[in-house]
C-alpha cells in the first residue's frame, strides 16, 4: 500500500489566487468552514475523510483550470460572487 503525500496547501493557495477565488470559495468547495480551511493553510493536518474530499475537489478545480482556460477575460471581469457562481456551474456541468 502506497502512502499519499500530504496536500501542500502552499500550492493550493497559489491555485486559489491564480483562479481568483476567495478563502470562502475554497472552503465551500471543500465542504468545510473557513476556519478549518485557514487552519489547513497554517499547517494543520487533515482528517482522512477530509483528505479524500479535498483531493477530489482539487482534481475538479484543476480540470476547470486547464480544460476551461480559467480564469478567462470574462471570468476576470466578474465580481467575486459571479465568479463563484460561474465556477459552481462549470463544476456541475463537468460531473
N, C-alpha and C. Protein backbone atom coordinates (compact mmCIF):
# COMPACT_ATOMS: atom_id res chain seq x y z
N UNK A 1 0.84 -1.18 0.00
CA UNK A 1 0.00 0.00 0.00
C UNK A 1 0.89 1.25 0.00
N UNK A 2 0.59 2.16 -0.90
CA UNK A 2 1.37 3.38 -1.02
C UNK A 2 0.72 4.49 -0.20
N UNK A 3 1.53 5.18 0.57
CA UNK A 3 1.02 6.30 1.34
C UNK A 3 0.96 7.54 0.45
N UNK A 4 -0.13 8.28 0.57
CA UNK A 4 -0.28 9.51 -0.20
C UNK A 4 0.56 10.60 0.44
N UNK A 5 1.12 11.44 -0.42
CA UNK A 5 1.84 12.61 0.06
C UNK A 5 0.83 13.58 0.65
N UNK A 6 1.18 14.26 1.73
CA UNK A 6 0.25 15.26 2.29
C UNK A 6 -0.03 16.35 1.25
N UNK A 7 -1.21 16.91 1.34
CA UNK A 7 -1.57 18.00 0.44
C UNK A 7 -0.78 19.24 0.84
N UNK A 8 -0.15 19.85 -0.13
CA UNK A 8 0.66 21.06 0.09
C UNK A 8 -0.25 22.28 -0.07
N UNK A 9 -0.67 22.84 1.05
CA UNK A 9 -1.60 23.97 0.98
C UNK A 9 -0.94 25.26 0.52
N UNK A 10 0.37 25.29 0.45
CA UNK A 10 1.04 26.43 -0.18
C UNK A 10 0.67 26.44 -1.66
N UNK A 11 0.68 25.27 -2.27
CA UNK A 11 0.31 25.16 -3.68
C UNK A 11 -1.19 25.35 -3.87
N UNK A 12 -1.98 24.86 -2.93
CA UNK A 12 -3.43 25.07 -3.01
C UNK A 12 -3.74 26.56 -2.97
N UNK A 13 -3.04 27.29 -2.12
CA UNK A 13 -3.23 28.74 -2.04
C UNK A 13 -2.79 29.43 -3.33
N UNK A 14 -1.72 28.95 -3.94
CA UNK A 14 -1.31 29.52 -5.24
C UNK A 14 -2.39 29.30 -6.28
N UNK A 15 -2.97 28.11 -6.29
CA UNK A 15 -4.06 27.81 -7.23
C UNK A 15 -5.26 28.70 -6.93
N UNK A 16 -5.61 28.84 -5.66
CA UNK A 16 -6.75 29.68 -5.28
C UNK A 16 -6.56 31.11 -5.79
N UNK A 17 -5.39 31.65 -5.59
CA UNK A 17 -5.13 33.02 -6.02
C UNK A 17 -5.12 33.13 -7.54
N UNK A 18 -4.52 32.16 -8.20
CA UNK A 18 -4.48 32.16 -9.67
C UNK A 18 -5.88 32.08 -10.26
N UNK A 19 -6.76 31.33 -9.58
CA UNK A 19 -8.13 31.17 -10.07
C UNK A 19 -9.04 32.30 -9.59
N UNK A 20 -8.48 33.28 -8.86
CA UNK A 20 -9.21 34.44 -8.37
C UNK A 20 -10.36 34.05 -7.44
N UNK A 21 -10.11 33.07 -6.58
CA UNK A 21 -11.11 32.60 -5.64
C UNK A 21 -10.79 33.11 -4.24
N UNK A 22 -11.82 33.21 -3.42
CA UNK A 22 -11.64 33.63 -2.04
C UNK A 22 -11.44 32.40 -1.15
N UNK A 23 -11.01 32.64 0.07
CA UNK A 23 -10.90 31.54 1.02
C UNK A 23 -12.29 30.96 1.30
N UNK A 24 -13.29 31.79 1.28
CA UNK A 24 -14.67 31.32 1.46
C UNK A 24 -15.05 30.39 0.31
N UNK A 25 -14.70 30.77 -0.92
CA UNK A 25 -14.98 29.90 -2.08
C UNK A 25 -14.33 28.54 -1.89
N UNK A 26 -13.07 28.54 -1.49
CA UNK A 26 -12.34 27.28 -1.33
C UNK A 26 -12.96 26.43 -0.22
N UNK A 27 -13.29 27.06 0.89
CA UNK A 27 -13.87 26.29 1.99
C UNK A 27 -15.20 25.67 1.57
N UNK A 28 -15.99 26.39 0.80
CA UNK A 28 -17.26 25.84 0.31
C UNK A 28 -17.02 24.69 -0.67
N UNK A 29 -16.04 24.84 -1.53
CA UNK A 29 -15.72 23.76 -2.48
C UNK A 29 -15.25 22.51 -1.75
N UNK A 30 -14.55 22.70 -0.65
CA UNK A 30 -14.04 21.56 0.13
C UNK A 30 -15.05 21.06 1.16
N UNK A 31 -16.15 21.80 1.34
CA UNK A 31 -17.18 21.39 2.28
C UNK A 31 -16.80 21.55 3.74
N UNK A 32 -16.04 22.60 4.03
CA UNK A 32 -15.60 22.87 5.41
C UNK A 32 -15.80 24.35 5.72
N UNK A 33 -15.61 24.70 6.98
CA UNK A 33 -15.70 26.10 7.37
C UNK A 33 -14.45 26.86 6.91
N UNK A 34 -14.58 28.19 6.86
CA UNK A 34 -13.40 29.00 6.52
C UNK A 34 -12.31 28.82 7.56
N UNK A 35 -12.72 28.66 8.81
CA UNK A 35 -11.75 28.47 9.88
C UNK A 35 -10.96 27.17 9.68
N UNK A 36 -11.65 26.11 9.27
CA UNK A 36 -10.96 24.85 9.01
C UNK A 36 -10.00 24.99 7.85
N UNK A 37 -10.47 25.61 6.75
CA UNK A 37 -9.59 25.81 5.60
C UNK A 37 -8.36 26.62 6.02
N UNK A 38 -8.58 27.69 6.76
CA UNK A 38 -7.47 28.53 7.21
C UNK A 38 -6.48 27.72 8.06
N UNK A 39 -7.00 26.84 8.91
CA UNK A 39 -6.10 26.04 9.75
C UNK A 39 -5.26 25.09 8.88
N UNK A 40 -5.83 24.59 7.80
CA UNK A 40 -5.06 23.74 6.89
C UNK A 40 -3.94 24.55 6.22
N UNK A 41 -4.27 25.76 5.82
CA UNK A 41 -3.27 26.64 5.21
C UNK A 41 -2.14 26.91 6.20
N UNK A 42 -2.48 26.99 7.48
CA UNK A 42 -1.49 27.23 8.53
C UNK A 42 -0.72 25.97 8.92
N UNK A 43 -1.09 24.81 8.35
CA UNK A 43 -0.31 23.60 8.59
C UNK A 43 -0.99 22.49 9.36
N UNK A 44 -2.23 22.68 9.76
CA UNK A 44 -2.93 21.63 10.49
C UNK A 44 -3.19 20.44 9.56
N UNK A 45 -3.07 19.24 10.10
CA UNK A 45 -3.26 18.02 9.33
C UNK A 45 -4.74 17.76 9.09
N UNK A 46 -5.05 17.29 7.89
CA UNK A 46 -6.42 16.93 7.55
C UNK A 46 -6.77 15.56 8.10
N UNK A 47 -8.05 15.38 8.44
CA UNK A 47 -8.53 14.05 8.79
C UNK A 47 -8.58 13.22 7.51
N UNK A 48 -8.47 11.91 7.62
CA UNK A 48 -8.53 11.07 6.42
C UNK A 48 -9.77 11.30 5.56
N UNK A 49 -10.93 11.48 6.17
CA UNK A 49 -12.16 11.71 5.38
C UNK A 49 -12.09 13.06 4.65
N UNK A 50 -11.54 14.07 5.29
CA UNK A 50 -11.40 15.37 4.65
C UNK A 50 -10.34 15.33 3.55
N UNK A 51 -9.29 14.57 3.78
CA UNK A 51 -8.20 14.46 2.81
C UNK A 51 -8.73 14.00 1.46
N UNK A 52 -9.52 12.95 1.46
CA UNK A 52 -10.05 12.42 0.19
C UNK A 52 -11.01 13.42 -0.45
N UNK A 53 -11.83 14.05 0.35
CA UNK A 53 -12.78 15.06 -0.13
C UNK A 53 -12.04 16.22 -0.80
N UNK A 54 -10.96 16.67 -0.19
CA UNK A 54 -10.18 17.78 -0.73
C UNK A 54 -9.48 17.36 -2.01
N UNK A 55 -8.94 16.16 -2.06
CA UNK A 55 -8.27 15.68 -3.28
C UNK A 55 -9.23 15.63 -4.46
N UNK A 56 -10.45 15.18 -4.21
CA UNK A 56 -11.46 15.13 -5.27
C UNK A 56 -11.77 16.55 -5.76
N UNK A 57 -11.99 17.46 -4.83
CA UNK A 57 -12.29 18.85 -5.18
C UNK A 57 -11.13 19.49 -5.94
N UNK A 58 -9.90 19.21 -5.53
CA UNK A 58 -8.74 19.76 -6.22
C UNK A 58 -8.63 19.23 -7.65
N UNK A 59 -8.89 17.95 -7.84
CA UNK A 59 -8.87 17.39 -9.21
C UNK A 59 -9.90 18.10 -10.08
N UNK A 60 -11.07 18.34 -9.52
CA UNK A 60 -12.13 19.02 -10.28
C UNK A 60 -11.73 20.46 -10.59
N UNK A 61 -11.13 21.15 -9.62
CA UNK A 61 -10.68 22.53 -9.85
C UNK A 61 -9.60 22.58 -10.93
N UNK A 62 -8.67 21.66 -10.86
CA UNK A 62 -7.61 21.62 -11.88
C UNK A 62 -8.17 21.34 -13.27
N UNK A 63 -9.22 20.54 -13.34
CA UNK A 63 -9.86 20.27 -14.63
C UNK A 63 -10.47 21.54 -15.21
N UNK A 64 -11.09 22.35 -14.36
CA UNK A 64 -11.65 23.64 -14.81
C UNK A 64 -10.52 24.58 -15.20
N UNK A 65 -9.49 24.62 -14.40
CA UNK A 65 -8.35 25.50 -14.66
C UNK A 65 -7.70 25.19 -16.00
N UNK A 66 -7.49 23.91 -16.28
CA UNK A 66 -6.82 23.55 -17.52
C UNK A 66 -7.79 23.38 -18.69
N UNK A 67 -8.93 22.78 -18.43
CA UNK A 67 -9.87 22.47 -19.51
C UNK A 67 -10.72 23.63 -19.98
N UNK A 68 -10.90 24.63 -19.13
CA UNK A 68 -11.75 25.77 -19.48
C UNK A 68 -10.94 27.06 -19.56
N UNK A 69 -9.63 26.96 -19.43
CA UNK A 69 -8.80 28.16 -19.52
C UNK A 69 -9.13 29.19 -18.44
N UNK A 70 -9.46 28.69 -17.28
CA UNK A 70 -9.83 29.56 -16.15
C UNK A 70 -8.60 30.25 -15.59
N UNK A 71 -8.60 31.51 -15.31
CA UNK A 71 -9.68 32.47 -15.48
C UNK A 71 -9.58 33.19 -16.82
N UNK A 72 -10.61 33.10 -17.59
CA UNK A 72 -10.66 33.80 -18.87
C UNK A 72 -10.85 35.30 -18.62
N UNK A 73 -10.77 36.07 -19.67
CA UNK A 73 -11.00 37.52 -19.53
C UNK A 73 -12.41 37.78 -19.00
N UNK A 74 -13.37 36.97 -19.44
CA UNK A 74 -14.75 37.11 -18.97
C UNK A 74 -14.82 36.86 -17.46
N UNK A 75 -14.14 35.82 -16.99
CA UNK A 75 -14.13 35.49 -15.57
C UNK A 75 -13.44 36.59 -14.77
N UNK A 76 -12.34 37.12 -15.30
CA UNK A 76 -11.61 38.18 -14.62
C UNK A 76 -12.48 39.43 -14.43
N UNK A 77 -13.40 39.67 -15.36
CA UNK A 77 -14.27 40.85 -15.29
C UNK A 77 -15.40 40.69 -14.27
N UNK A 78 -15.65 39.47 -13.83
CA UNK A 78 -16.75 39.21 -12.89
C UNK A 78 -16.35 39.63 -11.48
N UNK A 79 -17.38 39.94 -10.67
CA UNK A 79 -17.09 40.15 -9.26
C UNK A 79 -16.99 38.79 -8.59
N UNK A 80 -16.59 38.78 -7.34
CA UNK A 80 -16.31 37.53 -6.63
C UNK A 80 -17.51 36.59 -6.59
N UNK A 81 -18.68 37.12 -6.34
CA UNK A 81 -19.88 36.27 -6.26
C UNK A 81 -20.23 35.68 -7.62
N UNK A 82 -20.15 36.48 -8.67
CA UNK A 82 -20.43 35.98 -10.02
C UNK A 82 -19.42 34.89 -10.40
N UNK A 83 -18.16 35.13 -10.04
CA UNK A 83 -17.10 34.17 -10.36
C UNK A 83 -17.36 32.83 -9.66
N UNK A 84 -17.74 32.88 -8.38
CA UNK A 84 -18.02 31.66 -7.63
C UNK A 84 -19.21 30.91 -8.23
N UNK A 85 -20.24 31.65 -8.63
CA UNK A 85 -21.41 31.01 -9.24
C UNK A 85 -21.04 30.37 -10.57
N UNK A 86 -20.27 31.07 -11.37
CA UNK A 86 -19.84 30.53 -12.66
C UNK A 86 -19.01 29.27 -12.47
N UNK A 87 -18.12 29.29 -11.51
CA UNK A 87 -17.30 28.11 -11.22
C UNK A 87 -18.18 26.95 -10.80
N UNK A 88 -19.13 27.20 -9.94
CA UNK A 88 -20.04 26.15 -9.49
C UNK A 88 -20.78 25.53 -10.68
N UNK A 89 -21.23 26.37 -11.60
CA UNK A 89 -21.92 25.88 -12.79
C UNK A 89 -21.00 24.99 -13.64
N UNK A 90 -19.77 25.42 -13.81
CA UNK A 90 -18.81 24.62 -14.58
C UNK A 90 -18.53 23.27 -13.90
N UNK A 91 -18.37 23.30 -12.60
CA UNK A 91 -18.09 22.08 -11.86
C UNK A 91 -19.28 21.11 -11.96
N UNK A 92 -20.49 21.62 -11.89
CA UNK A 92 -21.67 20.78 -12.02
C UNK A 92 -21.78 20.21 -13.42
N UNK A 93 -21.48 21.02 -14.43
CA UNK A 93 -21.56 20.57 -15.82
C UNK A 93 -20.50 19.50 -16.12
N UNK A 94 -19.37 19.56 -15.45
CA UNK A 94 -18.28 18.61 -15.70
C UNK A 94 -18.45 17.28 -14.97
N UNK A 95 -19.48 17.17 -14.13
CA UNK A 95 -19.66 15.92 -13.38
C UNK A 95 -20.16 14.80 -14.25
